[in-house]
Structure formats: C-alpha cells, structure tokens
Amino acid sequence: VLLEVKDEGVGIPESAKAVVTQKFYRYGNEETRSKKGTGLGLYIVKELVNLHRGSMQILDNTPRGTIFKVFLPA
C-alpha cells in the first residue's frame, strides 16, 4: 500500500531530510519562527510506519514543497 502526501510549502533541505523524523526536531531558527509546533509530527508518523513494518521516503516536490511517501505491506 502506498500513501503519498504532497505539500507546496518551503520544502525540506537535503541536509535535514535524514534528521527531520527525529523526536522534537524542528528545522530552522526558534528565534525567528512564526509557527508553533513540538517537532513530534513526523517522528510519530515514522514510529507508526515502523510498527507496521513499512518504510517512508521524503522527496522534493518540484518546484516547491515536499512529497512524503509511506509504503506499508498489504
């Protein structure tokens, strides 16, 4: 089963893709951030995918944004 979510936000830099699913990780500067959050969203997704023995990919959504692909065994 493939679940694909696309957004047209600012995107995730290549250097952050490897760590963006870590617990409490938030990309950017906390001093200038305008949006609140805990840094738990993608961590929870990753943990649920792992519990179901699936995998997840984070890709660029050209020209802007991110594509999240979740693969789960049927």
PDB file of N, CA and C in Angstrom:
ATOM      1  N   VAL A   1       0.858  -1.163   0.000  1.00  0.00           N
ATOM      2  CA  VAL A   1       0.000   0.000   0.000  1.00  0.00           C
ATOM      3  C   VAL A   1       0.901   1.222   0.000  1.00  0.00           C
ATOM      4  N   LEU A   2       0.576   2.189  -0.853  1.00  0.00           N
ATOM      5  CA  LEU A   2       1.332   3.439  -0.925  1.00  0.00           C
ATOM      6  C   LEU A   2       0.433   4.591  -0.525  1.00  0.00           C
ATOM      7  N   LEU A   3       0.887   5.382   0.438  1.00  0.00           N
ATOM      8  CA  LEU A   3       0.212   6.613   0.832  1.00  0.00           C
ATOM      9  C   LEU A   3       1.169   7.747   0.489  1.00  0.00           C
ATOM     10  N   GLU A   4       0.688   8.705  -0.296  1.00  0.00           N
ATOM     11  CA  GLU A   4       1.544   9.807  -0.730  1.00  0.00           C
ATOM     12  C   GLU A   4       0.904  11.131  -0.350  1.00  0.00           C
ATOM     13  N   VAL A   5       1.666  11.987   0.321  1.00  0.00           N
ATOM     14  CA  VAL A   5       1.196  13.304   0.728  1.00  0.00           C
ATOM     15  C   VAL A   5       2.151  14.334   0.142  1.00  0.00           C
ATOM     16  N   LYS A   6       1.584  15.323  -0.567  1.00  0.00           N
ATOM     17  CA  LYS A   6       2.393  16.384  -1.172  1.00  0.00           C
ATOM     18  C   LYS A   6       1.983  17.721  -0.576  1.00  0.00           C
ATOM     19  N   ASP A   7       2.980  18.580  -0.369  1.00  0.00           N
ATOM     20  CA  ASP A   7       2.666  19.947   0.033  1.00  0.00           C
ATOM     21  C   ASP A   7       3.434  20.917  -0.856  1.00  0.00           C
ATOM     22  N   GLU A   8       3.084  22.169  -0.776  1.00  0.00           N
ATOM     23  CA  GLU A   8       3.752  23.201  -1.569  1.00  0.00           C
ATOM     24  C   GLU A   8       4.366  24.252  -0.656  1.00  0.00           C
ATOM     25  N   GLY A   9       4.851  23.802   0.503  1.00  0.00           N
ATOM     26  CA  GLY A   9       5.485  24.701   1.468  1.00  0.00           C
ATOM     27  C   GLY A   9       6.907  25.043   1.049  1.00  0.00           C
ATOM     28  N   VAL A  10       7.718  25.403   2.019  1.00  0.00           N
ATOM     29  CA  VAL A  10       9.094  25.828   1.743  1.00  0.00           C
ATOM     30  C   VAL A  10      10.007  24.650   1.420  1.00  0.00           C
ATOM     31  N   GLY A  11       9.570  23.446   1.720  1.00  0.00           N
ATOM     32  CA  GLY A  11      10.376  22.264   1.444  1.00  0.00           C
ATOM     33  C   GLY A  11      11.324  21.936   2.586  1.00  0.00           C
ATOM     34  N   ILE A  12      11.999  20.811   2.452  1.00  0.00           N
ATOM     35  CA  ILE A  12      12.966  20.358   3.453  1.00  0.00           C
ATOM     36  C   ILE A  12      14.317  20.253   2.767  1.00  0.00           C
ATOM     37  N   PRO A  13      15.320  20.978   3.255  1.00  0.00           N
ATOM     38  CA  PRO A  13      16.646  20.889   2.636  1.00  0.00           C
ATOM     39  C   PRO A  13      17.202  19.470   2.693  1.00  0.00           C
ATOM     40  N   GLU A  14      18.014  19.120   1.724  1.00  0.00           N
ATOM     41  CA  GLU A  14      18.609  17.784   1.652  1.00  0.00           C
ATOM     42  C   GLU A  14      19.331  17.437   2.951  1.00  0.00           C
ATOM     43  N   SER A  15      20.007  18.414   3.551  1.00  0.00           N
ATOM     44  CA  SER A  15      20.774  18.173   4.776  1.00  0.00           C
ATOM     45  C   SER A  15      19.880  17.839   5.969  1.00  0.00           C
ATOM     46  N   ALA A  16      18.602  18.214   5.930  1.00  0.00           N
ATOM     47  CA  ALA A  16      17.690  17.964   7.058  1.00  0.00           C
ATOM     48  C   ALA A  16      16.847  16.714   6.864  1.00  0.00           C
ATOM     49  N   LYS A  17      16.785  16.156   5.667  1.00  0.00           N
ATOM     50  CA  LYS A  17      15.914  15.006   5.404  1.00  0.00           C
ATOM     51  C   LYS A  17      16.268  13.790   6.258  1.00  0.00           C
ATOM     52  N   ALA A  18      17.527  13.637   6.590  1.00  0.00           N
ATOM     53  CA  ALA A  18      17.950  12.480   7.381  1.00  0.00           C
ATOM     54  C   ALA A  18      17.573  12.624   8.854  1.00  0.00           C
ATOM     55  N   VAL A  19      17.328  13.841   9.325  1.00  0.00           N
ATOM     56  CA  VAL A  19      17.072  14.049  10.757  1.00  0.00           C
ATOM     57  C   VAL A  19      15.681  14.588  11.056  1.00  0.00           C
ATOM     58  N   VAL A  20      14.915  14.923  10.033  1.00  0.00           N
ATOM     59  CA  VAL A  20      13.623  15.574  10.241  1.00  0.00           C
ATOM     60  C   VAL A  20      12.607  14.681  10.964  1.00  0.00           C
ATOM     61  N   THR A  21      12.813  13.377  10.988  1.00  0.00           N
ATOM     62  CA  THR A  21      11.897  12.471  11.687  1.00  0.00           C
ATOM     63  C   THR A  21      12.359  12.160  13.116  1.00  0.00           C
ATOM     64  N   GLN A  22      13.419  12.814  13.584  1.00  0.00           N
ATOM     65  CA  GLN A  22      13.866  12.609  14.964  1.00  0.00           C
ATOM     66  C   GLN A  22      12.929  13.322  15.932  1.00  0.00           C
ATOM     67  N   LYS A  23      12.797  12.768  17.101  1.00  0.00           N
ATOM     68  CA  LYS A  23      11.922  13.312  18.138  1.00  0.00           C
ATOM     69  C   LYS A  23      12.321  14.750  18.478  1.00  0.00           C
ATOM     70  N   PHE A  24      11.350  15.658  18.454  1.00  0.00           N
ATOM     71  CA  PHE A  24      11.473  17.072  18.797  1.00  0.00           C
ATOM     72  C   PHE A  24      12.294  17.894  17.799  1.00  0.00           C
ATOM     73  N   TYR A  25      12.657  17.322  16.664  1.00  0.00           N
ATOM     74  CA  TYR A  25      13.442  18.078  15.680  1.00  0.00           C
ATOM     75  C   TYR A  25      12.558  19.074  14.949  1.00  0.00           C
ATOM     76  N   ARG A  26      13.006  20.304  14.861  1.00  0.00           N
ATOM     77  CA  ARG A  26      12.326  21.344  14.081  1.00  0.00           C
ATOM     78  C   ARG A  26      13.387  22.084  13.303  1.00  0.00           C
ATOM     79  N   TYR A  27      13.215  22.150  11.991  1.00  0.00           N
ATOM     80  CA  TYR A  27      14.189  22.827  11.141  1.00  0.00           C
ATOM     81  C   TYR A  27      14.023  24.340  11.270  1.00  0.00           C
ATOM     82  N   GLY A  28      15.114  25.042  11.287  1.00  0.00           N
ATOM     83  CA  GLY A  28      15.076  26.499  11.293  1.00  0.00           C
ATOM     84  C   GLY A  28      15.460  27.082  12.636  1.00  0.00           C
ATOM     85  N   ASN A  29      15.301  28.372  12.739  1.00  0.00           N
ATOM     86  CA  ASN A  29      15.701  29.138  13.905  1.00  0.00           C
ATOM     87  C   ASN A  29      14.505  29.375  14.817  1.00  0.00           C
ATOM     88  N   GLU A  30      14.584  28.932  16.046  1.00  0.00           N
ATOM     89  CA  GLU A  30      13.487  29.100  17.003  1.00  0.00           C
ATOM     90  C   GLU A  30      13.214  30.576  17.305  1.00  0.00           C
ATOM     91  N   GLU A  31      14.224  31.423  17.192  1.00  0.00           N
ATOM     92  CA  GLU A  31      14.071  32.849  17.486  1.00  0.00           C
ATOM     93  C   GLU A  31      13.203  33.561  16.456  1.00  0.00           C
ATOM     94  N   THR A  32      13.259  33.117  15.203  1.00  0.00           N
ATOM     95  CA  THR A  32      12.530  33.804  14.130  1.00  0.00           C
ATOM     96  C   THR A  32      11.316  33.022  13.641  1.00  0.00           C
ATOM     97  N   ARG A  33      11.047  31.875  14.240  1.00  0.00           N
ATOM     98  CA  ARG A  33       9.943  31.017  13.796  1.00  0.00           C
ATOM     99  C   ARG A  33       8.599  31.667  14.105  1.00  0.00           C
ATOM    100  N   SER A  34       7.694  31.664  13.106  1.00  0.00           N
ATOM    101  CA  SER A  34       6.372  32.255  13.311  1.00  0.00           C
ATOM    102  C   SER A  34       5.306  31.196  13.614  1.00  0.00           C
ATOM    103  N   LYS A  35       5.593  29.931  13.330  1.00  0.00           N
ATOM    104  CA  LYS A  35       4.618  28.863  13.570  1.00  0.00           C
ATOM    105  C   LYS A  35       5.033  28.011  14.748  1.00  0.00           C
ATOM    106  N   LYS A  36       4.067  27.720  15.587  1.00  0.00           N
ATOM    107  CA  LYS A  36       4.307  26.892  16.767  1.00  0.00           C
ATOM    108  C   LYS A  36       4.322  25.414  16.385  1.00  0.00           C
ATOM    109  N   GLY A  37       4.946  24.614  17.212  1.00  0.00           N
ATOM    110  CA  GLY A  37       4.959  23.174  16.990  1.00  0.00           C
ATOM    111  C   GLY A  37       5.833  22.489  18.021  1.00  0.00           C
ATOM    112  N   THR A  38       5.764  21.176  18.045  1.00  0.00           N
ATOM    113  CA  THR A  38       6.541  20.418  19.022  1.00  0.00           C
ATOM    114  C   THR A  38       7.666  19.609  18.390  1.00  0.00           C
ATOM    115  N   GLY A  39       7.622  19.420  17.078  1.00  0.00           N
ATOM    116  CA  GLY A  39       8.612  18.578  16.440  1.00  0.00           C
ATOM    117  C   GLY A  39       8.322  17.099  16.616  1.00  0.00           C
ATOM    118  N   LEU A  40       7.052  16.765  16.835  1.00  0.00           N
ATOM    119  CA  LEU A  40       6.694  15.362  17.042  1.00  0.00           C
ATOM    120  C   LEU A  40       5.943  14.741  15.869  1.00  0.00           C
ATOM    121  N   GLY A  41       5.394  15.532  14.963  1.00  0.00           N
ATOM    122  CA  GLY A  41       4.543  15.015  13.889  1.00  0.00           C
ATOM    123  C   GLY A  41       5.196  13.947  13.041  1.00  0.00           C
ATOM    124  N   LEU A  42       6.327  14.268  12.414  1.00  0.00           N
ATOM    125  CA  LEU A  42       6.991  13.297  11.542  1.00  0.00           C
ATOM    126  C   LEU A  42       7.613  12.158  12.346  1.00  0.00           C
ATOM    127  N   TYR A  43       7.990  12.431  13.584  1.00  0.00           N
ATOM    128  CA  TYR A  43       8.501  11.363  14.453  1.00  0.00           C
ATOM    129  C   TYR A  43       7.410  10.319  14.701  1.00  0.00           C
ATOM    130  N   ILE A  44       6.196  10.770  14.999  1.00  0.00           N
ATOM    131  CA  ILE A  44       5.078   9.845  15.248  1.00  0.00           C
ATOM    132  C   ILE A  44       4.746   9.060  13.990  1.00  0.00           C
ATOM    133  N   VAL A  45       4.737   9.738  12.843  1.00  0.00           N
ATOM    134  CA  VAL A  45       4.487   9.039  11.572  1.00  0.00           C
ATOM    135  C   VAL A  45       5.531   7.950  11.364  1.00  0.00           C
ATOM    136  N   LYS A  46       6.813   8.290  11.541  1.00  0.00           N
ATOM    137  CA  LYS A  46       7.895   7.314  11.353  1.00  0.00           C
ATOM    138  C   LYS A  46       7.721   6.113  12.282  1.00  0.00           C
ATOM    139  N   GLU A  47       7.373   6.356  13.551  1.00  0.00           N
ATOM    140  CA  GLU A  47       7.195   5.267  14.506  1.00  0.00           C
ATOM    141  C   GLU A  47       6.025   4.371  14.118  1.00  0.00           C
ATOM    142  N   LEU A  48       4.915   4.947  13.682  1.00  0.00           N
ATOM    143  CA  LEU A  48       3.764   4.143  13.251  1.00  0.00           C
ATOM    144  C   LEU A  48       4.092   3.318  12.009  1.00  0.00           C
ATOM    145  N   VAL A  49       4.802   3.919  11.069  1.00  0.00           N
ATOM    146  CA  VAL A  49       5.210   3.197   9.858  1.00  0.00           C
ATOM    147  C   VAL A  49       6.115   2.028  10.247  1.00  0.00           C
ATOM    148  N   ASN A  50       7.056   2.258  11.152  1.00  0.00           N
ATOM    149  CA  ASN A  50       7.959   1.185  11.596  1.00  0.00           C
ATOM    150  C   ASN A  50       7.196   0.061  12.296  1.00  0.00           C
ATOM    151  N   LEU A  51       6.208   0.410  13.106  1.00  0.00           N
ATOM    152  CA  LEU A  51       5.405  -0.610  13.790  1.00  0.00           C
ATOM    153  C   LEU A  51       4.662  -1.511  12.799  1.00  0.00           C
ATOM    154  N   HIS A  52       4.332  -0.969  11.649  1.00  0.00           N
ATOM    155  CA  HIS A  52       3.632  -1.735  10.619  1.00  0.00           C
ATOM    156  C   HIS A  52       4.592  -2.334   9.594  1.00  0.00           C
ATOM    157  N   ARG A  53       5.877  -2.297   9.920  1.00  0.00           N
ATOM    158  CA  ARG A  53       6.936  -2.851   9.068  1.00  0.00           C
ATOM    159  C   ARG A  53       6.954  -2.215   7.681  1.00  0.00           C
ATOM    160  N   GLY A  54       6.718  -0.912   7.646  1.00  0.00           N
ATOM    161  CA  GLY A  54       6.735  -0.163   6.395  1.00  0.00           C
ATOM    162  C   GLY A  54       7.975   0.691   6.286  1.00  0.00           C
ATOM    163  N   SER A  55       7.967   1.561   5.288  1.00  0.00           N
ATOM    164  CA  SER A  55       9.080   2.492   5.086  1.00  0.00           C
ATOM    165  C   SER A  55       8.530   3.832   4.622  1.00  0.00           C
ATOM    166  N   MET A  56       9.378   4.837   4.681  1.00  0.00           N
ATOM    167  CA  MET A  56       8.956   6.187   4.331  1.00  0.00           C
ATOM    168  C   MET A  56      10.058   6.871   3.529  1.00  0.00           C
ATOM    169  N   GLN A  57       9.663   7.640   2.521  1.00  0.00           N
ATOM    170  CA  GLN A  57      10.593   8.439   1.740  1.00  0.00           C
ATOM    171  C   GLN A  57      10.178   9.898   1.822  1.00  0.00           C
ATOM    172  N   ILE A  58      11.173  10.787   1.833  1.00  0.00           N
ATOM    173  CA  ILE A  58      10.929  12.222   1.798  1.00  0.00           C
ATOM    174  C   ILE A  58      11.613  12.755   0.552  1.00  0.00           C
ATOM    175  N   LEU A  59      10.811  13.324  -0.347  1.00  0.00           N
ATOM    176  CA  LEU A  59      11.313  13.790  -1.645  1.00  0.00           C
ATOM    177  C   LEU A  59      10.953  15.247  -1.875  1.00  0.00           C
ATOM    178  N   ASP A  60      11.660  15.883  -2.803  1.00  0.00           N
ATOM    179  CA  ASP A  60      11.328  17.254  -3.198  1.00  0.00           C
ATOM    180  C   ASP A  60      10.093  17.248  -4.080  1.00  0.00           C
ATOM    181  N   ASN A  61       9.227  18.233  -3.893  1.00  0.00           N
ATOM    182  CA  ASN A  61       8.054  18.437  -4.744  1.00  0.00           C
ATOM    183  C   ASN A  61       8.355  19.651  -5.622  1.00  0.00           C
ATOM    184  N   THR A  62       8.942  19.395  -6.770  1.00  0.00           N
ATOM    185  CA  THR A  62       9.375  20.472  -7.658  1.00  0.00           C
ATOM    186  C   THR A  62       8.172  21.190  -8.245  1.00  0.00           C
ATOM    187  N   PRO A  63       8.123  22.502  -8.267  1.00  0.00           N
ATOM    188  CA  PRO A  63       9.229  23.418  -7.961  1.00  0.00           C
ATOM    189  C   PRO A  63       9.320  23.809  -6.489  1.00  0.00           C
ATOM    190  N   ARG A  64       8.344  23.391  -5.663  1.00  0.00           N
ATOM    191  CA  ARG A  64       8.347  23.844  -4.276  1.00  0.00           C
ATOM    192  C   ARG A  64       7.582  22.864  -3.398  1.00  0.00           C
ATOM    193  N   GLY A  65       8.109  22.597  -2.200  1.00  0.00           N
ATOM    194  CA  GLY A  65       7.400  21.737  -1.272  1.00  0.00           C
ATOM    195  C   GLY A  65       8.067  20.390  -1.082  1.00  0.00           C
ATOM    196  N   THR A  66       7.305  19.468  -0.484  1.00  0.00           N
ATOM    197  CA  THR A  66       7.824  18.151  -0.124  1.00  0.00           C
ATOM    198  C   THR A  66       6.792  17.081  -0.452  1.00  0.00           C
ATOM    199  N   ILE A  67       7.292  15.894  -0.803  1.00  0.00           N
ATOM    200  CA  ILE A  67       6.442  14.714  -1.012  1.00  0.00           C
ATOM    201  C   ILE A  67       6.860  13.679   0.031  1.00  0.00           C
ATOM    202  N   PHE A  68       5.882  13.173   0.773  1.00  0.00           N
ATOM    203  CA  PHE A  68       6.111  12.120   1.742  1.00  0.00           C
ATOM    204  C   PHE A  68       5.446  10.857   1.204  1.00  0.00           C
ATOM    205  N   LYS A  69       6.222   9.793   1.024  1.00  0.00           N
ATOM    206  CA  LYS A  69       5.699   8.519   0.559  1.00  0.00           C
ATOM    207  C   LYS A  69       5.827   7.501   1.678  1.00  0.00           C
ATOM    208  N   VAL A  70       4.715   6.866   2.025  1.00  0.00           N
ATOM    209  CA  VAL A  70       4.684   5.828   3.051  1.00  0.00           C
ATOM    210  C   VAL A  70       4.314   4.517   2.368  1.00  0.00           C
ATOM    211  N   PHE A  71       5.158   3.523   2.530  1.00  0.00           N
ATOM    212  CA  PHE A  71       4.923   2.195   1.957  1.00  0.00           C
ATOM    213  C   PHE A  71       4.602   1.238   3.103  1.00  0.00           C
ATOM    214  N   LEU A  72       3.445   0.566   3.010  1.00  0.00           N
ATOM    215  CA  LEU A  72       3.049  -0.391   4.035  1.00  0.00           C
ATOM    216  C   LEU A  72       2.771  -1.738   3.371  1.00  0.00           C
ATOM    217  N   PRO A  73       3.171  -2.827   4.025  1.00  0.00           N
ATOM    218  CA  PRO A  73       2.880  -4.150   3.447  1.00  0.00           C
ATOM    219  C   PRO A  73       1.373  -4.402   3.464  1.00  0.00           C
ATOM    220  N   ALA A  74       0.884  -5.045   2.423  1.00  0.00           N
ATOM    221  CA  ALA A  74      -0.556  -5.332   2.307  1.00  0.00           C
ATOM    222  C   ALA A  74      -0.937  -6.522   3.147  1.00  0.00           C
TER     223      ALA A  74
END
